[in-house]
Amino acid sequence: MNISFSRPPTQVDCYEFVEVEIRVAPPASANPFTDVTVSGQFTREGGAPLRADGFCDADDGSVFRIRFMPSQPGRHAYSIGISSGKAPERITCGTRRRPIGCWAGGTTQSSGKAWTDWGGSR
């Protein structure tokens, strides 16, 4: 699988979107809208890290995007990751004998991780 990341502009104004496009070839998931996770961390120099989630922007799963909007001037570093693989479903039941004690949820584990980490800055 080949994954490429676009480079956003090196200078933006406060409250202007910064977008990174992620291209995946060939697409590795039957349902890229639910089976692929894109996440990023954006940190202003001297500030706390902010997390952002990306999204699939192509029906075939070949394009994903993640956006960030800086609210303060200064240099910002970021890292972006993409992981694919459907998490197995799990049912967990409480101790009650009636159905209201049960809930469904998926796990956060997935396989096929591919990460990039570059020091983009503003």
N, C-alpha and C. Protein backbone atom coordinates (compact mmCIF):
# COMPACT_ATOMS: atom_id res chain seq x y z
N MET A 1 0.85 -1.17 0.00
CA MET A 1 0.00 0.00 0.00
C MET A 1 0.90 1.23 0.00
N ASN A 2 0.58 2.21 -0.81
CA ASN A 2 1.31 3.45 -0.91
C ASN A 2 0.48 4.59 -0.31
N ILE A 3 1.03 5.29 0.66
CA ILE A 3 0.33 6.40 1.31
C ILE A 3 1.15 7.66 1.13
N SER A 4 0.51 8.73 0.65
CA SER A 4 1.22 10.01 0.50
C SER A 4 0.43 11.12 1.19
N PHE A 5 1.17 12.08 1.72
CA PHE A 5 0.60 13.20 2.45
C PHE A 5 0.96 14.49 1.74
N SER A 6 -0.03 15.36 1.51
CA SER A 6 0.26 16.67 0.92
C SER A 6 0.88 17.57 1.99
N ARG A 7 1.59 18.56 1.56
CA ARG A 7 2.17 19.54 2.48
C ARG A 7 1.30 20.80 2.45
N PRO A 8 0.84 21.25 3.60
CA PRO A 8 0.03 22.48 3.62
C PRO A 8 0.93 23.69 3.44
N PRO A 9 0.36 24.87 3.25
CA PRO A 9 1.17 26.08 3.12
C PRO A 9 2.00 26.31 4.38
N THR A 10 3.11 26.98 4.25
CA THR A 10 3.99 27.22 5.40
C THR A 10 3.56 28.43 6.20
N GLN A 11 2.63 29.23 5.69
CA GLN A 11 2.16 30.42 6.41
C GLN A 11 0.65 30.54 6.22
N VAL A 12 -0.09 30.67 7.30
CA VAL A 12 -1.53 30.92 7.25
C VAL A 12 -1.87 31.95 8.32
N ASP A 13 -3.03 32.57 8.19
CA ASP A 13 -3.52 33.50 9.19
C ASP A 13 -4.28 32.74 10.27
N CYS A 14 -4.42 33.35 11.43
CA CYS A 14 -5.25 32.77 12.48
C CYS A 14 -6.66 32.56 11.94
N TYR A 15 -7.29 31.49 12.34
CA TYR A 15 -8.64 31.11 11.96
C TYR A 15 -8.78 30.78 10.48
N GLU A 16 -7.67 30.46 9.83
CA GLU A 16 -7.69 29.98 8.46
C GLU A 16 -7.42 28.47 8.50
N PHE A 17 -8.19 27.71 7.72
CA PHE A 17 -8.01 26.26 7.71
C PHE A 17 -6.67 25.85 7.13
N VAL A 18 -6.05 24.88 7.77
CA VAL A 18 -4.90 24.18 7.23
C VAL A 18 -5.40 22.78 6.92
N GLU A 19 -5.19 22.32 5.70
CA GLU A 19 -5.69 21.00 5.31
C GLU A 19 -4.55 20.15 4.78
N VAL A 20 -4.53 18.89 5.22
CA VAL A 20 -3.58 17.90 4.69
C VAL A 20 -4.41 16.83 4.00
N GLU A 21 -4.04 16.52 2.76
CA GLU A 21 -4.71 15.47 2.01
C GLU A 21 -3.85 14.21 2.08
N ILE A 22 -4.50 13.09 2.32
CA ILE A 22 -3.83 11.80 2.40
C ILE A 22 -4.37 10.94 1.26
N ARG A 23 -3.47 10.45 0.42
CA ARG A 23 -3.86 9.58 -0.69
C ARG A 23 -3.37 8.16 -0.41
N VAL A 24 -4.28 7.20 -0.63
CA VAL A 24 -3.98 5.79 -0.37
C VAL A 24 -4.18 5.02 -1.67
N ALA A 25 -3.15 4.27 -2.09
CA ALA A 25 -3.25 3.47 -3.31
C ALA A 25 -2.58 2.12 -3.08
N PRO A 26 -3.24 1.06 -3.36
CA PRO A 26 -4.68 0.97 -3.59
C PRO A 26 -5.43 1.10 -2.27
N PRO A 27 -6.69 1.52 -2.33
CA PRO A 27 -7.48 1.59 -1.09
C PRO A 27 -7.49 0.24 -0.39
N ALA A 28 -7.36 0.27 0.93
CA ALA A 28 -7.17 -0.98 1.68
C ALA A 28 -8.37 -1.40 2.51
N SER A 29 -9.53 -0.83 2.27
CA SER A 29 -10.66 -1.13 3.14
C SER A 29 -11.94 -1.28 2.33
N ALA A 30 -12.78 -2.21 2.74
CA ALA A 30 -14.08 -2.38 2.09
C ALA A 30 -14.99 -1.18 2.36
N ASN A 31 -14.90 -0.61 3.55
CA ASN A 31 -15.71 0.57 3.90
C ASN A 31 -14.79 1.60 4.55
N PRO A 32 -14.22 2.51 3.75
CA PRO A 32 -13.26 3.48 4.29
C PRO A 32 -13.89 4.48 5.26
N PHE A 33 -15.21 4.61 5.25
CA PHE A 33 -15.87 5.56 6.13
C PHE A 33 -15.94 5.06 7.57
N THR A 34 -15.89 3.73 7.76
CA THR A 34 -15.96 3.17 9.11
C THR A 34 -14.72 2.37 9.50
N ASP A 35 -13.95 1.89 8.53
CA ASP A 35 -12.83 1.00 8.83
C ASP A 35 -11.47 1.69 8.86
N VAL A 36 -11.40 2.97 8.55
CA VAL A 36 -10.14 3.69 8.52
C VAL A 36 -10.23 4.88 9.47
N THR A 37 -9.16 5.09 10.22
CA THR A 37 -9.09 6.21 11.16
C THR A 37 -7.94 7.13 10.77
N VAL A 38 -8.22 8.42 10.68
CA VAL A 38 -7.20 9.44 10.45
C VAL A 38 -7.23 10.36 11.65
N SER A 39 -6.06 10.55 12.27
CA SER A 39 -6.01 11.44 13.43
C SER A 39 -4.72 12.26 13.37
N GLY A 40 -4.78 13.40 13.98
CA GLY A 40 -3.61 14.27 13.99
C GLY A 40 -3.48 14.99 15.32
N GLN A 41 -2.27 15.44 15.57
CA GLN A 41 -2.00 16.24 16.76
C GLN A 41 -1.30 17.51 16.29
N PHE A 42 -1.82 18.64 16.71
CA PHE A 42 -1.29 19.95 16.33
C PHE A 42 -0.90 20.68 17.61
N THR A 43 0.31 21.20 17.65
CA THR A 43 0.80 21.83 18.87
C THR A 43 1.46 23.16 18.55
N ARG A 44 0.95 24.23 19.14
CA ARG A 44 1.60 25.54 19.02
C ARG A 44 2.79 25.55 19.95
N GLU A 45 3.90 26.12 19.51
CA GLU A 45 5.10 26.20 20.32
C GLU A 45 4.76 26.79 21.69
N GLY A 46 5.04 26.05 22.74
CA GLY A 46 4.72 26.49 24.09
C GLY A 46 3.29 26.23 24.51
N GLY A 47 2.49 25.62 23.64
CA GLY A 47 1.08 25.37 23.96
C GLY A 47 0.78 23.89 24.15
N ALA A 48 -0.44 23.62 24.52
CA ALA A 48 -0.89 22.24 24.71
C ALA A 48 -1.26 21.63 23.36
N PRO A 49 -1.04 20.33 23.18
CA PRO A 49 -1.41 19.68 21.92
C PRO A 49 -2.93 19.62 21.75
N LEU A 50 -3.37 19.76 20.51
CA LEU A 50 -4.79 19.64 20.16
C LEU A 50 -4.93 18.46 19.21
N ARG A 51 -5.95 17.64 19.43
CA ARG A 51 -6.19 16.47 18.59
C ARG A 51 -7.29 16.79 17.60
N ALA A 52 -7.14 16.28 16.38
CA ALA A 52 -8.17 16.45 15.36
C ALA A 52 -8.35 15.12 14.63
N ASP A 53 -9.58 14.85 14.21
CA ASP A 53 -9.87 13.65 13.43
C ASP A 53 -10.07 14.03 11.97
N GLY A 54 -9.61 13.16 11.09
CA GLY A 54 -9.80 13.36 9.66
C GLY A 54 -11.02 12.61 9.17
N PHE A 55 -11.22 12.64 7.85
CA PHE A 55 -12.39 12.00 7.27
C PHE A 55 -12.07 11.50 5.87
N CYS A 56 -12.84 10.50 5.43
CA CYS A 56 -12.71 9.97 4.07
C CYS A 56 -13.41 10.93 3.13
N ASP A 57 -12.77 11.25 2.00
CA ASP A 57 -13.35 12.20 1.05
C ASP A 57 -13.46 11.59 -0.35
N ALA A 58 -13.52 10.26 -0.43
CA ALA A 58 -13.70 9.59 -1.72
C ALA A 58 -14.42 8.27 -1.48
N ASP A 59 -15.40 7.99 -2.30
CA ASP A 59 -16.18 6.75 -2.15
C ASP A 59 -15.32 5.50 -2.18
N ASP A 60 -14.22 5.53 -2.93
CA ASP A 60 -13.38 4.34 -3.04
C ASP A 60 -12.30 4.26 -1.96
N GLY A 61 -12.24 5.25 -1.06
CA GLY A 61 -11.28 5.22 0.03
C GLY A 61 -9.87 5.62 -0.35
N SER A 62 -9.72 6.32 -1.46
CA SER A 62 -8.38 6.71 -1.91
C SER A 62 -7.94 8.08 -1.40
N VAL A 63 -8.87 8.89 -0.86
CA VAL A 63 -8.54 10.24 -0.40
C VAL A 63 -9.14 10.48 0.98
N PHE A 64 -8.30 10.96 1.89
CA PHE A 64 -8.73 11.37 3.23
C PHE A 64 -8.22 12.77 3.46
N ARG A 65 -8.86 13.50 4.37
CA ARG A 65 -8.44 14.87 4.69
C ARG A 65 -8.50 15.07 6.20
N ILE A 66 -7.62 15.93 6.66
CA ILE A 66 -7.66 16.36 8.05
C ILE A 66 -7.44 17.86 8.04
N ARG A 67 -8.18 18.58 8.89
CA ARG A 67 -8.11 20.04 8.92
C ARG A 67 -7.85 20.54 10.33
N PHE A 68 -7.17 21.65 10.38
CA PHE A 68 -6.84 22.31 11.64
C PHE A 68 -6.95 23.81 11.41
N MET A 69 -7.42 24.52 12.42
CA MET A 69 -7.54 25.97 12.34
C MET A 69 -6.81 26.59 13.52
N PRO A 70 -5.61 27.16 13.30
CA PRO A 70 -4.90 27.78 14.42
C PRO A 70 -5.64 29.01 14.93
N SER A 71 -5.74 29.13 16.25
CA SER A 71 -6.45 30.27 16.84
C SER A 71 -5.49 31.30 17.43
N GLN A 72 -4.20 30.97 17.44
CA GLN A 72 -3.20 31.91 17.96
C GLN A 72 -2.00 31.93 17.02
N PRO A 73 -1.36 33.09 16.88
CA PRO A 73 -0.18 33.14 16.02
C PRO A 73 0.98 32.37 16.64
N GLY A 74 1.91 31.98 15.82
CA GLY A 74 3.10 31.28 16.29
C GLY A 74 3.38 30.06 15.45
N ARG A 75 4.47 29.39 15.78
CA ARG A 75 4.86 28.18 15.07
C ARG A 75 4.06 26.99 15.60
N HIS A 76 3.63 26.14 14.69
CA HIS A 76 2.86 24.96 15.04
C HIS A 76 3.54 23.72 14.45
N ALA A 77 3.66 22.68 15.24
CA ALA A 77 4.15 21.39 14.77
C ALA A 77 2.97 20.44 14.70
N TYR A 78 3.05 19.44 13.84
CA TYR A 78 1.94 18.49 13.73
C TYR A 78 2.45 17.12 13.33
N SER A 79 1.65 16.11 13.66
CA SER A 79 1.87 14.76 13.19
C SER A 79 0.51 14.17 12.84
N ILE A 80 0.48 13.34 11.81
CA ILE A 80 -0.77 12.78 11.31
C ILE A 80 -0.59 11.28 11.13
N GLY A 81 -1.58 10.52 11.52
CA GLY A 81 -1.54 9.07 11.36
C GLY A 81 -2.81 8.56 10.70
N ILE A 82 -2.67 7.44 10.01
CA ILE A 82 -3.81 6.78 9.40
C ILE A 82 -3.69 5.30 9.71
N SER A 83 -4.77 4.67 10.12
CA SER A 83 -4.76 3.23 10.38
C SER A 83 -5.99 2.62 9.74
N SER A 84 -5.82 1.43 9.25
CA SER A 84 -6.94 0.74 8.62
C SER A 84 -7.10 -0.64 9.24
N GLY A 85 -8.27 -1.15 9.12
CA GLY A 85 -8.59 -2.46 9.68
C GLY A 85 -9.84 -2.34 10.51
N LYS A 86 -10.79 -3.16 10.23
CA LYS A 86 -12.04 -3.11 10.97
C LYS A 86 -11.83 -3.68 12.36
N ALA A 87 -12.23 -2.93 13.35
CA ALA A 87 -12.14 -3.40 14.73
C ALA A 87 -13.21 -4.45 14.97
N PRO A 88 -12.88 -5.52 15.67
CA PRO A 88 -13.90 -6.54 15.94
C PRO A 88 -14.98 -5.97 16.86
N GLU A 89 -16.19 -6.39 16.63
CA GLU A 89 -17.30 -5.96 17.48
C GLU A 89 -17.27 -6.76 18.77
N ARG A 90 -17.76 -6.16 19.83
CA ARG A 90 -17.80 -6.83 21.12
C ARG A 90 -19.08 -6.45 21.83
N ILE A 91 -19.67 -7.39 22.49
CA ILE A 91 -20.85 -7.14 23.32
C ILE A 91 -20.42 -7.34 24.77
N THR A 92 -20.76 -6.40 25.63
CA THR A 92 -20.45 -6.51 27.04
C THR A 92 -21.77 -6.45 27.81
N CYS A 93 -21.99 -7.40 28.67
CA CYS A 93 -23.23 -7.42 29.45
C CYS A 93 -22.93 -7.19 30.92
N GLY A 94 -23.80 -6.41 31.52
CA GLY A 94 -23.68 -6.16 32.95
C GLY A 94 -24.22 -7.35 33.74
N THR A 95 -24.41 -7.16 35.04
CA THR A 95 -24.84 -8.26 35.90
C THR A 95 -26.36 -8.42 35.94
N ARG A 96 -27.10 -7.45 35.44
CA ARG A 96 -28.55 -7.57 35.43
C ARG A 96 -28.99 -8.67 34.48
N ARG A 97 -30.14 -9.25 34.75
CA ARG A 97 -30.63 -10.32 33.89
C ARG A 97 -31.54 -9.80 32.80
N ARG A 98 -31.89 -8.54 32.84
CA ARG A 98 -32.76 -7.97 31.82
C ARG A 98 -31.91 -7.30 30.74
N PRO A 99 -32.41 -7.20 29.52
CA PRO A 99 -31.64 -6.63 28.41
C PRO A 99 -31.15 -5.19 28.65
N ILE A 100 -31.80 -4.45 29.55
CA ILE A 100 -31.35 -3.06 29.74
C ILE A 100 -29.96 -2.98 30.34
N GLY A 101 -29.41 -4.10 30.82
CA GLY A 101 -28.06 -4.09 31.37
C GLY A 101 -26.98 -4.35 30.32
N CYS A 102 -27.35 -4.46 29.05
CA CYS A 102 -26.38 -4.79 28.01
C CYS A 102 -26.14 -3.59 27.10
N TRP A 103 -24.93 -3.49 26.59
CA TRP A 103 -24.60 -2.45 25.64
C TRP A 103 -23.61 -3.01 24.64
N ALA A 104 -23.56 -2.43 23.47
CA ALA A 104 -22.64 -2.91 22.42
C ALA A 104 -21.59 -1.85 22.18
N GLY A 105 -20.41 -2.28 21.81
CA GLY A 105 -19.34 -1.34 21.49
C GLY A 105 -18.22 -2.03 20.76
N GLY A 106 -17.45 -1.28 20.01
CA GLY A 106 -16.31 -1.82 19.29
C GLY A 106 -15.04 -1.55 20.06
N THR A 107 -13.96 -2.18 19.64
CA THR A 107 -12.68 -1.92 20.27
C THR A 107 -11.95 -0.83 19.50
N THR A 108 -10.90 -0.32 20.07
CA THR A 108 -10.13 0.71 19.39
C THR A 108 -8.90 0.14 18.72
N GLN A 109 -8.70 -1.16 18.80
CA GLN A 109 -7.53 -1.77 18.18
C GLN A 109 -7.79 -1.97 16.69
N SER A 110 -6.78 -1.74 15.89
CA SER A 110 -6.87 -1.99 14.46
C SER A 110 -5.52 -2.43 13.94
N SER A 111 -5.52 -2.92 12.74
CA SER A 111 -4.26 -3.40 12.17
C SER A 111 -3.93 -2.59 10.93
N GLY A 112 -2.75 -2.81 10.39
CA GLY A 112 -2.35 -2.13 9.16
C GLY A 112 -2.00 -0.68 9.37
N LYS A 113 -1.29 -0.35 10.44
CA LYS A 113 -0.99 1.05 10.72
C LYS A 113 0.11 1.57 9.82
N ALA A 114 -0.03 2.80 9.41
CA ALA A 114 1.01 3.50 8.65
C ALA A 114 1.04 4.92 9.16
N TRP A 115 2.15 5.33 9.72
CA TRP A 115 2.24 6.64 10.34
C TRP A 115 3.28 7.50 9.66
N THR A 116 3.03 8.78 9.65
CA THR A 116 4.04 9.74 9.22
C THR A 116 4.17 10.77 10.32
N ASP A 117 5.30 11.34 10.45
CA ASP A 117 5.52 12.36 11.47
C ASP A 117 6.54 13.33 10.92
N TRP A 118 6.07 14.51 10.49
CA TRP A 118 6.99 15.51 10.01
C TRP A 118 6.77 16.78 10.76
N GLY A 119 7.77 17.57 10.88
CA GLY A 119 7.71 18.79 11.68
C GLY A 119 7.24 19.97 10.89
N GLY A 120 6.00 19.98 10.49
CA GLY A 120 5.46 21.16 9.82
C GLY A 120 5.42 22.32 10.79
N SER A 121 5.61 23.50 10.31
CA SER A 121 5.60 24.65 11.21
C SER A 121 5.01 25.86 10.51
N ARG A 122 4.53 26.77 11.29
CA ARG A 122 3.92 28.01 10.79
C ARG A 122 4.82 29.14 11.18
